Amino acid sequence: MMLTPMLFRRFGLNMRGTVRWTGEEDLEGETENGTTFPFHTEDSPNPVQMVLLAHGGCSLLDVITGLKHRMENVRACWVELDSDRSETLPR
């Protein structure tokens, strides 16, 4: 089955968001429900770090869901992430 835009809408797979430039190199993200968050600021992750963390978060949620079905009393779980980034453009 080919996933077309209509199928994405039908199955709820379509997500929307907005990224705004807020000055210098600072960015702000906004989810479709209106939640906003800064990134690429002095005090927040840059876009590539956010992709890495998002990947880890998705994987961790899958693991937690699986553990809760097999074990009682799951008290802690984490994932440690390590990646390499090119030093030359495009990075």
PDB file of N, CA and C in Angstrom:
ATOM      1  N   MET A   1       0.842  -1.171   0.000  1.00  0.00           N
ATOM      2  CA  MET A   1       0.000   0.000   0.000  1.00  0.00           C
ATOM      3  C   MET A   1       0.891   1.240   0.000  1.00  0.00           C
ATOM      4  N   MET A   2       0.605   2.149  -0.870  1.00  0.00           N
ATOM      5  CA  MET A   2       1.354   3.399  -0.939  1.00  0.00           C
ATOM      6  C   MET A   2       0.728   4.417   0.015  1.00  0.00           C
ATOM      7  N   LEU A   3       1.563   5.090   0.819  1.00  0.00           N
ATOM      8  CA  LEU A   3       1.047   6.087   1.748  1.00  0.00           C
ATOM      9  C   LEU A   3       0.920   7.427   1.037  1.00  0.00           C
ATOM     10  N   THR A   4      -0.273   7.797   0.741  1.00  0.00           N
ATOM     11  CA  THR A   4      -0.556   9.070   0.080  1.00  0.00           C
ATOM     12  C   THR A   4      -0.986  10.074   1.139  1.00  0.00           C
ATOM     13  N   PRO A   5      -0.985  11.381   0.815  1.00  0.00           N
ATOM     14  CA  PRO A   5      -1.437  12.375   1.797  1.00  0.00           C
ATOM     15  C   PRO A   5      -2.829  12.076   2.345  1.00  0.00           C
ATOM     16  N   MET A   6      -3.724  11.538   1.507  1.00  0.00           N
ATOM     17  CA  MET A   6      -5.066  11.221   1.978  1.00  0.00           C
ATOM     18  C   MET A   6      -5.021  10.107   3.026  1.00  0.00           C
ATOM     19  N   LEU A   7      -4.181   9.093   2.821  1.00  0.00           N
ATOM     20  CA  LEU A   7      -4.062   8.014   3.803  1.00  0.00           C
ATOM     21  C   LEU A   7      -3.443   8.525   5.100  1.00  0.00           C
ATOM     22  N   PHE A   8      -2.471   9.435   4.990  1.00  0.00           N
ATOM     23  CA  PHE A   8      -1.885  10.001   6.202  1.00  0.00           C
ATOM     24  C   PHE A   8      -2.966  10.674   7.037  1.00  0.00           C
ATOM     25  N   ARG A   9      -3.843  11.448   6.393  1.00  0.00           N
ATOM     26  CA  ARG A   9      -4.928  12.116   7.118  1.00  0.00           C
ATOM     27  C   ARG A   9      -5.919  11.092   7.677  1.00  0.00           C
ATOM     28  N   ARG A  10      -6.242  10.078   6.871  1.00  0.00           N
ATOM     29  CA  ARG A  10      -7.218   9.065   7.283  1.00  0.00           C
ATOM     30  C   ARG A  10      -6.761   8.311   8.519  1.00  0.00           C
ATOM     31  N   PHE A  11      -5.483   7.965   8.578  1.00  0.00           N
ATOM     32  CA  PHE A  11      -4.973   7.191   9.696  1.00  0.00           C
ATOM     33  C   PHE A  11      -4.349   8.050  10.788  1.00  0.00           C
ATOM     34  N   GLY A  12      -4.435   9.374  10.668  1.00  0.00           N
ATOM     35  CA  GLY A  12      -3.911  10.253  11.703  1.00  0.00           C
ATOM     36  C   GLY A  12      -2.395  10.320  11.745  1.00  0.00           C
ATOM     37  N   LEU A  13      -1.745  10.067  10.621  1.00  0.00           N
ATOM     38  CA  LEU A  13      -0.294  10.070  10.593  1.00  0.00           C
ATOM     39  C   LEU A  13       0.287  11.429  10.233  1.00  0.00           C
ATOM     40  N   ASN A  14      -0.569  12.350   9.863  1.00  0.00           N
ATOM     41  CA  ASN A  14      -0.123  13.659   9.433  1.00  0.00           C
ATOM     42  C   ASN A  14       0.097  14.557  10.650  1.00  0.00           C
ATOM     43  N   MET A  15       1.254  15.187  10.734  1.00  0.00           N
ATOM     44  CA  MET A  15       1.543  16.139  11.801  1.00  0.00           C
ATOM     45  C   MET A  15       1.982  17.439  11.154  1.00  0.00           C
ATOM     46  N   ARG A  16       1.751  18.514  11.858  1.00  0.00           N
ATOM     47  CA  ARG A  16       2.155  19.821  11.356  1.00  0.00           C
ATOM     48  C   ARG A  16       2.903  20.561  12.449  1.00  0.00           C
ATOM     49  N   GLY A  17       3.755  21.443  12.041  1.00  0.00           N
ATOM     50  CA  GLY A  17       4.487  22.279  12.978  1.00  0.00           C
ATOM     51  C   GLY A  17       5.036  23.485  12.251  1.00  0.00           C
ATOM     52  N   THR A  18       5.529  24.428  13.026  1.00  0.00           N
ATOM     53  CA  THR A  18       6.105  25.655  12.480  1.00  0.00           C
ATOM     54  C   THR A  18       7.424  25.917  13.189  1.00  0.00           C
ATOM     55  N   VAL A  19       8.411  26.352  12.438  1.00  0.00           N
ATOM     56  CA  VAL A  19       9.676  26.795  13.014  1.00  0.00           C
ATOM     57  C   VAL A  19       9.862  28.257  12.630  1.00  0.00           C
ATOM     58  N   ARG A  20      10.125  29.094  13.634  1.00  0.00           N
ATOM     59  CA  ARG A  20      10.330  30.517  13.395  1.00  0.00           C
ATOM     60  C   ARG A  20      11.741  30.936  13.783  1.00  0.00           C
ATOM     61  N   TRP A  21      12.302  31.806  13.013  1.00  0.00           N
ATOM     62  CA  TRP A  21      13.568  32.444  13.349  1.00  0.00           C
ATOM     63  C   TRP A  21      13.247  33.580  14.302  1.00  0.00           C
ATOM     64  N   THR A  22      13.927  33.646  15.451  1.00  0.00           N
ATOM     65  CA  THR A  22      13.623  34.671  16.455  1.00  0.00           C
ATOM     66  C   THR A  22      14.764  35.657  16.655  1.00  0.00           C
ATOM     67  N   GLY A  23      15.756  35.618  15.775  1.00  0.00           N
ATOM     68  CA  GLY A  23      16.883  36.547  15.867  1.00  0.00           C
ATOM     69  C   GLY A  23      18.192  35.804  15.995  1.00  0.00           C
ATOM     70  N   GLU A  24      19.257  36.433  15.512  1.00  0.00           N
ATOM     71  CA  GLU A  24      20.582  35.808  15.465  1.00  0.00           C
ATOM     72  C   GLU A  24      20.447  34.401  14.899  1.00  0.00           C
ATOM     73  N   GLU A  25      20.802  33.349  15.657  1.00  0.00           N
ATOM     74  CA  GLU A  25      20.613  31.977  15.186  1.00  0.00           C
ATOM     75  C   GLU A  25      19.544  31.254  15.999  1.00  0.00           C
ATOM     76  N   ASP A  26      18.772  32.006  16.774  1.00  0.00           N
ATOM     77  CA  ASP A  26      17.759  31.411  17.648  1.00  0.00           C
ATOM     78  C   ASP A  26      16.512  31.024  16.858  1.00  0.00           C
ATOM     79  N   LEU A  27      15.952  29.871  17.219  1.00  0.00           N
ATOM     80  CA  LEU A  27      14.756  29.364  16.573  1.00  0.00           C
ATOM     81  C   LEU A  27      13.702  29.039  17.624  1.00  0.00           C
ATOM     82  N   GLU A  28      12.449  29.017  17.188  1.00  0.00           N
ATOM     83  CA  GLU A  28      11.337  28.619  18.042  1.00  0.00           C
ATOM     84  C   GLU A  28      10.480  27.640  17.265  1.00  0.00           C
ATOM     85  N   GLY A  29      10.142  26.527  17.888  1.00  0.00           N
ATOM     86  CA  GLY A  29       9.260  25.554  17.270  1.00  0.00           C
ATOM     87  C   GLY A  29       7.871  25.679  17.852  1.00  0.00           C
ATOM     88  N   GLU A  30       6.874  25.363  17.049  1.00  0.00           N
ATOM     89  CA  GLU A  30       5.493  25.348  17.527  1.00  0.00           C
ATOM     90  C   GLU A  30       4.802  24.108  16.987  1.00  0.00           C
ATOM     91  N   THR A  31       4.204  23.334  17.885  1.00  0.00           N
ATOM     92  CA  THR A  31       3.467  22.148  17.476  1.00  0.00           C
ATOM     93  C   THR A  31       2.086  22.557  16.996  1.00  0.00           C
ATOM     94  N   GLU A  32       1.388  21.609  16.377  1.00  0.00           N
ATOM     95  CA  GLU A  32       0.065  21.924  15.852  1.00  0.00           C
ATOM     96  C   GLU A  32      -0.940  22.254  16.943  1.00  0.00           C
ATOM     97  N   ASN A  33      -0.668  21.864  18.194  1.00  0.00           N
ATOM     98  CA  ASN A  33      -1.595  22.211  19.276  1.00  0.00           C
ATOM     99  C   ASN A  33      -1.187  23.496  20.000  1.00  0.00           C
ATOM    100  N   GLY A  34      -0.175  24.201  19.483  1.00  0.00           N
ATOM    101  CA  GLY A  34       0.193  25.504  20.025  1.00  0.00           C
ATOM    102  C   GLY A  34       1.315  25.508  21.043  1.00  0.00           C
ATOM    103  N   THR A  35       1.890  24.363  21.358  1.00  0.00           N
ATOM    104  CA  THR A  35       3.016  24.316  22.276  1.00  0.00           C
ATOM    105  C   THR A  35       4.245  24.907  21.589  1.00  0.00           C
ATOM    106  N   THR A  36       4.907  25.852  22.230  1.00  0.00           N
ATOM    107  CA  THR A  36       6.111  26.462  21.651  1.00  0.00           C
ATOM    108  C   THR A  36       7.319  26.138  22.525  1.00  0.00           C
ATOM    109  N   PHE A  37       8.475  26.073  21.892  1.00  0.00           N
ATOM    110  CA  PHE A  37       9.711  25.782  22.607  1.00  0.00           C
ATOM    111  C   PHE A  37      10.881  26.379  21.835  1.00  0.00           C
ATOM    112  N   PRO A  38      11.888  26.891  22.556  1.00  0.00           N
ATOM    113  CA  PRO A  38      13.061  27.447  21.889  1.00  0.00           C
ATOM    114  C   PRO A  38      14.037  26.340  21.515  1.00  0.00           C
ATOM    115  N   PHE A  39      14.777  26.538  20.449  1.00  0.00           N
ATOM    116  CA  PHE A  39      15.928  25.687  20.162  1.00  0.00           C
ATOM    117  C   PHE A  39      16.946  26.473  19.353  1.00  0.00           C
ATOM    118  N   HIS A  40      18.135  25.931  19.328  1.00  0.00           N
ATOM    119  CA  HIS A  40      19.288  26.574  18.715  1.00  0.00           C
ATOM    120  C   HIS A  40      19.593  27.912  19.369  1.00  0.00           C
ATOM    121  N   THR A  41      19.356  27.983  20.688  1.00  0.00           N
ATOM    122  CA  THR A  41      19.719  29.161  21.468  1.00  0.00           C
ATOM    123  C   THR A  41      20.929  28.797  22.316  1.00  0.00           C
ATOM    124  N   GLU A  42      21.429  29.766  23.037  1.00  0.00           N
ATOM    125  CA  GLU A  42      22.575  29.520  23.917  1.00  0.00           C
ATOM    126  C   GLU A  42      22.238  28.473  24.991  1.00  0.00           C
ATOM    127  N   ASP A  43      20.968  28.412  25.389  1.00  0.00           N
ATOM    128  CA  ASP A  43      20.554  27.533  26.481  1.00  0.00           C
ATOM    129  C   ASP A  43      19.725  26.328  26.049  1.00  0.00           C
ATOM    130  N   SER A  44      19.642  26.044  24.758  1.00  0.00           N
ATOM    131  CA  SER A  44      18.808  24.929  24.294  1.00  0.00           C
ATOM    132  C   SER A  44      19.530  24.174  23.186  1.00  0.00           C
ATOM    133  N   PRO A  45      19.072  22.954  22.895  1.00  0.00           N
ATOM    134  CA  PRO A  45      19.728  22.137  21.867  1.00  0.00           C
ATOM    135  C   PRO A  45      19.623  22.752  20.475  1.00  0.00           C
ATOM    136  N   ASN A  46      20.577  22.407  19.632  1.00  0.00           N
ATOM    137  CA  ASN A  46      20.483  22.829  18.238  1.00  0.00           C
ATOM    138  C   ASN A  46      19.630  21.806  17.482  1.00  0.00           C
ATOM    139  N   PRO A  47      19.252  22.097  16.237  1.00  0.00           N
ATOM    140  CA  PRO A  47      18.361  21.187  15.506  1.00  0.00           C
ATOM    141  C   PRO A  47      18.886  19.754  15.385  1.00  0.00           C
ATOM    142  N   VAL A  48      20.173  19.584  15.157  1.00  0.00           N
ATOM    143  CA  VAL A  48      20.721  18.227  15.017  1.00  0.00           C
ATOM    144  C   VAL A  48      20.664  17.495  16.357  1.00  0.00           C
ATOM    145  N   GLN A  49      20.954  18.191  17.449  1.00  0.00           N
ATOM    146  CA  GLN A  49      20.835  17.572  18.768  1.00  0.00           C
ATOM    147  C   GLN A  49      19.388  17.179  19.050  1.00  0.00           C
ATOM    148  N   MET A  50      18.443  18.005  18.618  1.00  0.00           N
ATOM    149  CA  MET A  50      17.033  17.686  18.830  1.00  0.00           C
ATOM    150  C   MET A  50      16.622  16.436  18.055  1.00  0.00           C
ATOM    151  N   VAL A  51      17.149  16.270  16.843  1.00  0.00           N
ATOM    152  CA  VAL A  51      16.846  15.057  16.067  1.00  0.00           C
ATOM    153  C   VAL A  51      17.397  13.833  16.799  1.00  0.00           C
ATOM    154  N   LEU A  52      18.620  13.933  17.302  1.00  0.00           N
ATOM    155  CA  LEU A  52      19.223  12.825  18.037  1.00  0.00           C
ATOM    156  C   LEU A  52      18.400  12.491  19.278  1.00  0.00           C
ATOM    157  N   LEU A  53      18.036  13.527  20.045  1.00  0.00           N
ATOM    158  CA  LEU A  53      17.252  13.306  21.258  1.00  0.00           C
ATOM    159  C   LEU A  53      15.855  12.780  20.947  1.00  0.00           C
ATOM    160  N   ALA A  54      15.253  13.272  19.877  1.00  0.00           N
ATOM    161  CA  ALA A  54      13.924  12.790  19.492  1.00  0.00           C
ATOM    162  C   ALA A  54      13.978  11.308  19.112  1.00  0.00           C
ATOM    163  N   HIS A  55      15.010  10.915  18.396  1.00  0.00           N
ATOM    164  CA  HIS A  55      15.180   9.506  18.037  1.00  0.00           C
ATOM    165  C   HIS A  55      15.312   8.655  19.305  1.00  0.00           C
ATOM    166  N   GLY A  56      16.129   9.131  20.242  1.00  0.00           N
ATOM    167  CA  GLY A  56      16.284   8.412  21.506  1.00  0.00           C
ATOM    168  C   GLY A  56      14.982   8.355  22.285  1.00  0.00           C
ATOM    169  N   GLY A  57      14.225   9.453  22.282  1.00  0.00           N
ATOM    170  CA  GLY A  57      12.951   9.489  22.989  1.00  0.00           C
ATOM    171  C   GLY A  57      11.941   8.511  22.412  1.00  0.00           C
ATOM    172  N   CYS A  58      11.851   8.460  21.090  1.00  0.00           N
ATOM    173  CA  CYS A  58      10.927   7.512  20.443  1.00  0.00           C
ATOM    174  C   CYS A  58      11.314   6.075  20.766  1.00  0.00           C
ATOM    175  N   SER A  59      12.599   5.786  20.690  1.00  0.00           N
ATOM    176  CA  SER A  59      13.067   4.430  20.989  1.00  0.00           C
ATOM    177  C   SER A  59      12.809   4.067  22.446  1.00  0.00           C
ATOM    178  N   LEU A  60      13.072   5.011  23.346  1.00  0.00           N
ATOM    179  CA  LEU A  60      12.885   4.751  24.772  1.00  0.00           C
ATOM    180  C   LEU A  60      11.416   4.504  25.099  1.00  0.00           C
ATOM    181  N   LEU A  61      10.514   5.264  24.497  1.00  0.00           N
ATOM    182  CA  LEU A  61       9.091   5.035  24.741  1.00  0.00           C
ATOM    183  C   LEU A  61       8.664   3.653  24.273  1.00  0.00           C
ATOM    184  N   ASP A  62       9.194   3.202  23.144  1.00  0.00           N
ATOM    185  CA  ASP A  62       8.892   1.840  22.682  1.00  0.00           C
ATOM    186  C   ASP A  62       9.396   0.796  23.677  1.00  0.00           C
ATOM    187  N   VAL A  63      10.593   0.996  24.195  1.00  0.00           N
ATOM    188  CA  VAL A  63      11.164   0.055  25.167  1.00  0.00           C
ATOM    189  C   VAL A  63      10.336   0.046  26.447  1.00  0.00           C
ATOM    190  N   ILE A  64       9.991   1.224  26.950  1.00  0.00           N
ATOM    191  CA  ILE A  64       9.195   1.317  28.180  1.00  0.00           C
ATOM    192  C   ILE A  64       7.848   0.615  28.007  1.00  0.00           C
ATOM    193  N   THR A  65       7.200   0.851  26.866  1.00  0.00           N
ATOM    194  CA  THR A  65       5.913   0.199  26.596  1.00  0.00           C
ATOM    195  C   THR A  65       6.069  -1.319  26.632  1.00  0.00           C
ATOM    196  N   GLY A  66       7.122  -1.823  26.003  1.00  0.00           N
ATOM    197  CA  GLY A  66       7.370  -3.266  26.011  1.00  0.00           C
ATOM    198  C   GLY A  66       7.686  -3.795  27.398  1.00  0.00           C
ATOM    199  N   LEU A  67       8.477  -3.049  28.165  1.00  0.00           N
ATOM    200  CA  LEU A  67       8.827  -3.496  29.518  1.00  0.00           C
ATOM    201  C   LEU A  67       7.609  -3.545  30.423  1.00  0.00           C
ATOM    202  N   LYS A  68       6.743  -2.552  30.313  1.00  0.00           N
ATOM    203  CA  LYS A  68       5.563  -2.512  31.192  1.00  0.00           C
ATOM    204  C   LYS A  68       4.627  -3.683  30.929  1.00  0.00           C
ATOM    205  N   HIS A  69       4.650  -4.239  29.712  1.00  0.00           N
ATOM    206  CA  HIS A  69       3.832  -5.405  29.412  1.00  0.00           C
ATOM    207  C   HIS A  69       4.452  -6.692  29.965  1.00  0.00           C
ATOM    208  N   ARG A  70       5.734  -6.670  30.233  1.00  0.00           N
ATOM    209  CA  ARG A  70       6.427  -7.886  30.670  1.00  0.00           C
ATOM    210  C   ARG A  70       6.833  -7.864  32.149  1.00  0.00           C
ATOM    211  N   MET A  71       6.909  -6.673  32.718  1.00  0.00           N
ATOM    212  CA  MET A  71       7.421  -6.553  34.083  1.00  0.00           C
ATOM    213  C   MET A  71       6.532  -5.626  34.896  1.00  0.00           C
ATOM    214  N   GLU A  72       6.490  -5.869  36.168  1.00  0.00           N
ATOM    215  CA  GLU A  72       5.853  -4.931  37.081  1.00  0.00           C
ATOM    216  C   GLU A  72       6.948  -4.054  37.671  1.00  0.00           C
ATOM    217  N   ASN A  73       6.559  -2.898  38.112  1.00  0.00           N
ATOM    218  CA  ASN A  73       7.471  -2.054  38.875  1.00  0.00           C
ATOM    219  C   ASN A  73       8.701  -1.595  38.091  1.00  0.00           C
ATOM    220  N   VAL A  74       8.531  -1.177  36.850  1.00  0.00           N
ATOM    221  CA  VAL A  74       9.643  -0.553  36.124  1.00  0.00           C
ATOM    222  C   VAL A  74       9.865   0.810  36.763  1.00  0.00           C
ATOM    223  N   ARG A  75      11.068   1.051  37.266  1.00  0.00           N
ATOM    224  CA  ARG A  75      11.321   2.278  38.016  1.00  0.00           C
ATOM    225  C   ARG A  75      12.211   3.272  37.292  1.00  0.00           C
ATOM    226  N   ALA A  76      13.043   2.792  36.404  1.00  0.00           N
ATOM    227  CA  ALA A  76      13.939   3.708  35.702  1.00  0.00           C
ATOM    228  C   ALA A  76      14.357   3.085  34.381  1.00  0.00           C
ATOM    229  N   CYS A  77      14.572   3.937  33.423  1.00  0.00           N
ATOM    230  CA  CYS A  77      15.047   3.481  32.126  1.00  0.00           C
ATOM    231  C   CYS A  77      15.614   4.694  31.399  1.00  0.00           C
ATOM    232  N   TRP A  78      16.684   4.517  30.698  1.00  0.00           N
ATOM    233  CA  TRP A  78      17.249   5.609  29.931  1.00  0.00           C
ATOM    234  C   TRP A  78      17.992   5.055  28.740  1.00  0.00           C
ATOM    235  N   VAL A  79      18.272   5.922  27.804  1.00  0.00           N
ATOM    236  CA  VAL A  79      19.063   5.555  26.643  1.00  0.00           C
ATOM    237  C   VAL A  79      20.187   6.585  26.530  1.00  0.00           C
ATOM    238  N   GLU A  80      21.377   6.112  26.303  1.00  0.00           N
ATOM    239  CA  GLU A  80      22.516   7.003  26.088  1.00  0.00           C
ATOM    240  C   GLU A  80      22.804   7.036  24.601  1.00  0.00           C
ATOM    241  N   LEU A  81      22.960   8.222  24.066  1.00  0.00           N
ATOM    242  CA  LEU A  81      23.110   8.421  22.629  1.00  0.00           C
ATOM    243  C   LEU A  81      24.499   8.940  22.300  1.00  0.00           C
ATOM    244  N   ASP A  82      25.030   8.472  21.203  1.00  0.00           N
ATOM    245  CA  ASP A  82      26.352   8.901  20.744  1.00  0.00           C
ATOM    246  C   ASP A  82      26.300   8.964  19.226  1.00  0.00           C
ATOM    247  N   SER A  83      26.731  10.046  18.646  1.00  0.00           N
ATOM    248  CA  SER A  83      26.735  10.136  17.188  1.00  0.00           C
ATOM    249  C   SER A  83      27.940  10.938  16.724  1.00  0.00           C
ATOM    250  N   ASP A  84      28.247  10.797  15.479  1.00  0.00           N
ATOM    251  CA  ASP A  84      29.321  11.572  14.857  1.00  0.00           C
ATOM    252  C   ASP A  84      28.698  12.542  13.878  1.00  0.00           C
ATOM    253  N   ARG A  85      29.285  13.721  13.790  1.00  0.00           N
ATOM    254  CA  ARG A  85      28.792  14.728  12.857  1.00  0.00           C
ATOM    255  C   ARG A  85      29.949  15.183  11.990  1.00  0.00           C
ATOM    256  N   SER A  86      29.688  15.350  10.731  1.00  0.00           N
ATOM    257  CA  SER A  86      30.713  15.781   9.790  1.00  0.00           C
ATOM    258  C   SER A  86      31.246  17.158  10.167  1.00  0.00           C
ATOM    259  N   GLU A  87      32.512  17.356   9.974  1.00  0.00           N
ATOM    260  CA  GLU A  87      33.098  18.669  10.245  1.00  0.00           C
ATOM    261  C   GLU A  87      32.973  19.588   9.042  1.00  0.00           C
ATOM    262  N   THR A  88      32.656  19.042   7.866  1.00  0.00           N
ATOM    263  CA  THR A  88      32.544  19.861   6.666  1.00  0.00           C
ATOM    264  C   THR A  88      31.080  19.955   6.228  1.00  0.00           C
ATOM    265  N   LEU A  89      30.758  21.001   5.510  1.00  0.00           N
ATOM    266  CA  LEU A  89      29.401  21.193   5.019  1.00  0.00           C
ATOM    267  C   LEU A  89      29.118  20.252   3.866  1.00  0.00           C
ATOM    268  N   PRO A  90      27.928  19.754   3.659  1.00  0.00           N
ATOM    269  CA  PRO A  90      26.804  19.887   4.588  1.00  0.00           C
ATOM    270  C   PRO A  90      27.004  18.973   5.793  1.00  0.00           C
ATOM    271  N   ARG A  91      26.679  19.475   6.964  1.00  0.00           N
ATOM    272  CA  ARG A  91      26.944  18.753   8.201  1.00  0.00           C
ATOM    273  C   ARG A  91      25.767  17.935   8.611  1.00  0.00           C
TER     274      ARG A  91
END
